[in-house]
Amino acid sequence: MPQLQGDAILRCLLLRPSNTEQYETKTLKEEPNILIVSNRWTTSLSTQPTLKEIAHLPFIMLGAMEGYSFHGDLLKAFEKHGVKPNIIIECKDIPLLVALVNRGLGIPIIPRMNYKSLFVEHLKIYEFSQFDFNVEPVLMKLKDAPISKAATKFWEMVK
């Protein structure tokens, strides 16, 4: 968001941060969470894995990011179900996280919008409804900031 404030970019698409007072936002469709598992572990999981079922597996945690609660909410979900994840690493970079899963190093729970990967043929993706915190992507711009005609047209196209 600093680039948005410094006029380096006019619009940005991101997950809704906690503080949006100085921005105009357009909310997009909520995204559920997914569990990504290397094919080598899928035989030991049910068709709808639970937090209890995956707690013993090496877990790659999406790293905490300022202004977002996904990390803390996921840890609370594990705690609510009476288990603690076996976190082996935290990673804020989704492509790197997916590459680690592809190597069989662990499993993550991430927002579905982020799982596009070249490695998907070696992975099983489960819709993960037990963690019911959905992420909300938003399109943002600074309030009352001058913008180009093209940027205005794009902004108006988004419903």
Protein backbone atom coordinates (compact mmCIF):
# COMPACT_ATOMS: atom_id res chain seq x y z
CA MET A 1 0.00 0.00 0.00
CA PRO A 2 2.93 2.42 0.33
CA GLN A 3 3.24 2.40 -3.49
CA LEU A 4 -0.42 3.42 -3.72
CA GLN A 5 0.15 6.28 -1.29
CA GLY A 6 3.27 7.41 -3.13
CA ASP A 7 1.57 7.48 -6.56
CA ALA A 8 3.81 4.68 -7.85
CA ILE A 9 0.61 2.82 -8.75
CA LEU A 10 -2.95 4.11 -9.24
CA ARG A 11 -4.90 0.97 -8.31
CA CYS A 12 -4.11 -2.22 -6.49
CA LEU A 13 -5.79 -5.58 -6.07
CA LEU A 14 -5.15 -7.19 -2.71
CA LEU A 15 -6.77 -8.90 0.24
CA ARG A 16 -8.76 -6.46 2.36
CA PRO A 17 -6.39 -4.92 4.91
CA SER A 18 -7.63 -3.94 8.36
CA ASN A 19 -7.30 -0.18 7.78
CA THR A 20 -8.89 1.25 4.62
CA GLU A 21 -10.04 4.68 5.84
CA GLN A 22 -7.99 6.68 3.32
CA TYR A 23 -8.95 4.45 0.39
CA GLU A 24 -11.92 3.90 -1.83
CA THR A 25 -12.50 0.16 -2.22
CA LYS A 26 -14.52 -2.18 -4.40
CA THR A 27 -15.08 -5.58 -2.84
CA LEU A 28 -14.74 -8.63 -5.07
CA LYS A 29 -16.10 -12.14 -4.49
CA GLU A 30 -14.99 -13.77 -1.23
CA GLU A 31 -12.52 -16.58 -1.66
CA PRO A 32 -12.62 -19.77 0.41
CA ASN A 33 -9.51 -21.54 1.65
CA ILE A 34 -7.79 -24.56 0.22
CA LEU A 35 -5.48 -27.23 1.55
CA ILE A 36 -2.67 -28.16 -0.86
CA VAL A 37 -1.12 -31.60 -0.46
CA SER A 38 1.64 -33.37 -2.35
CA ASN A 39 0.31 -36.48 -4.12
CA ARG A 40 2.53 -38.65 -1.91
CA TRP A 41 0.37 -37.83 1.16
CA THR A 42 -3.10 -37.93 -0.38
CA THR A 43 -3.62 -41.65 0.27
CA SER A 44 -3.41 -41.06 4.01
CA LEU A 45 -6.13 -38.36 3.98
CA SER A 46 -9.89 -38.56 3.77
CA THR A 47 -11.80 -36.89 0.95
CA GLN A 48 -12.47 -33.91 3.25
CA PRO A 49 -9.44 -33.61 5.54
CA THR A 50 -9.93 -31.97 8.95
CA LEU A 51 -7.60 -29.86 11.06
CA LYS A 52 -7.18 -32.82 13.44
CA GLU A 53 -6.32 -35.09 10.53
CA ILE A 54 -3.59 -32.79 9.15
CA ALA A 55 -2.14 -31.49 12.44
CA HIS A 56 0.62 -34.13 12.53
CA LEU A 57 1.81 -33.39 8.97
CA PRO A 58 4.60 -30.86 8.35
CA PHE A 59 2.75 -27.55 7.97
CA ILE A 60 3.94 -24.63 5.85
CA MET A 61 2.29 -21.58 7.39
CA LEU A 62 1.42 -18.55 5.30
CA GLY A 63 3.44 -15.89 7.13
CA ALA A 64 1.84 -13.13 9.16
CA MET A 65 1.45 -9.86 7.28
CA GLU A 66 0.80 -6.45 8.79
CA GLY A 67 -2.85 -5.47 8.53
CA TYR A 68 -4.12 -9.02 7.85
CA SER A 69 -5.52 -11.58 10.28
CA PHE A 70 -5.32 -14.81 8.20
CA HIS A 71 -2.27 -16.16 10.08
CA GLY A 72 -3.75 -15.58 13.54
CA ASP A 73 -7.21 -16.78 12.54
CA LEU A 74 -5.78 -20.04 11.19
CA LEU A 75 -3.84 -20.67 14.40
CA LYS A 76 -7.03 -19.99 16.41
CA ALA A 77 -8.93 -22.50 14.25
CA PHE A 78 -6.39 -25.23 15.07
CA GLU A 79 -6.60 -24.31 18.75
CA LYS A 80 -10.42 -24.35 18.67
CA HIS A 81 -10.27 -27.94 17.39
CA GLY A 82 -7.86 -28.94 20.14
CA VAL A 83 -4.78 -29.44 17.98
CA LYS A 84 -1.56 -27.62 17.23
CA PRO A 85 -0.14 -27.55 13.70
CA ASN A 86 3.31 -29.00 13.13
CA ILE A 87 4.69 -25.76 11.62
CA ILE A 88 8.05 -26.37 9.96
CA ILE A 89 8.35 -23.00 8.19
CA GLU A 90 6.48 -19.77 7.58
CA CYS A 91 6.46 -18.32 4.08
CA LYS A 92 4.87 -15.10 2.76
CA ASP A 93 5.55 -15.89 -0.90
CA ILE A 94 2.74 -18.03 -2.37
CA PRO A 95 4.69 -19.37 -5.41
CA LEU A 96 7.58 -20.40 -3.13
CA LEU A 97 5.12 -21.95 -0.69
CA VAL A 98 3.56 -24.03 -3.51
CA ALA A 99 7.04 -25.05 -4.72
CA LEU A 100 7.83 -26.31 -1.20
CA VAL A 101 4.62 -28.37 -1.24
CA ASN A 102 5.51 -29.72 -4.67
CA ARG A 103 8.81 -30.96 -3.22
CA GLY A 104 6.84 -32.82 -0.56
CA LEU A 105 8.16 -30.68 2.30
CA GLY A 106 4.81 -29.85 3.85
CA ILE A 107 1.19 -28.73 3.42
CA PRO A 108 -0.40 -25.28 3.66
CA ILE A 109 -3.87 -23.79 3.94
CA ILE A 110 -4.10 -20.67 1.77
CA PRO A 111 -6.78 -18.52 0.14
CA ARG A 112 -7.98 -20.22 -3.05
CA MET A 113 -7.22 -17.20 -5.23
CA ASN A 114 -3.50 -17.78 -4.77
CA TYR A 115 -3.01 -21.39 -5.80
CA LYS A 116 -2.32 -21.03 -9.52
CA SER A 117 0.91 -22.93 -10.13
CA LEU A 118 2.88 -24.75 -12.78
CA PHE A 119 3.27 -27.62 -10.30
CA VAL A 120 -0.42 -28.37 -9.82
CA GLU A 121 -0.22 -31.77 -11.56
CA HIS A 122 1.80 -33.10 -8.59
CA LEU A 123 -0.61 -31.72 -6.01
CA LYS A 124 -4.08 -32.41 -4.67
CA ILE A 125 -6.15 -29.33 -3.83
CA TYR A 126 -8.93 -29.68 -1.26
CA GLU A 127 -11.57 -27.04 -0.63
CA PHE A 128 -11.09 -26.54 3.10
CA SER A 129 -14.34 -25.52 4.75
CA GLN A 130 -13.37 -26.36 8.34
CA PHE A 131 -11.42 -23.11 8.51
CA ASP A 132 -14.38 -20.85 7.78
CA PHE A 133 -12.53 -17.54 7.56
CA ASN A 134 -12.85 -16.46 3.92
CA VAL A 135 -10.61 -13.80 2.45
CA GLU A 136 -12.04 -10.78 0.72
CA PRO A 137 -10.09 -9.40 -2.24
CA VAL A 138 -10.56 -5.69 -2.91
CA LEU A 139 -9.61 -3.20 -5.57
CA MET A 140 -8.31 -0.02 -3.91
CA LYS A 141 -7.42 3.55 -4.79
CA LEU A 142 -6.63 6.61 -2.73
CA LYS A 143 -9.70 8.72 -2.02
CA ASP A 144 -9.86 11.92 -4.11
CA ALA A 145 -6.58 11.20 -5.91
CA PRO A 146 -6.41 12.35 -9.55
CA ILE A 147 -6.25 9.45 -12.01
CA SER A 148 -6.02 8.89 -15.76
CA LYS A 149 -9.04 8.34 -18.00
CA ALA A 150 -7.98 4.72 -18.55
CA ALA A 151 -7.74 4.10 -14.79
CA THR A 152 -11.15 5.74 -14.27
CA LYS A 153 -12.69 3.55 -16.98
CA PHE A 154 -11.16 0.42 -15.42
CA TRP A 155 -12.45 1.43 -11.97
CA GLU A 156 -15.96 1.91 -13.37
CA MET A 157 -15.88 -1.50 -15.12
CA VAL A 158 -15.41 -3.33 -11.83
CA LYS A 159 -18.76 -4.09 -10.23
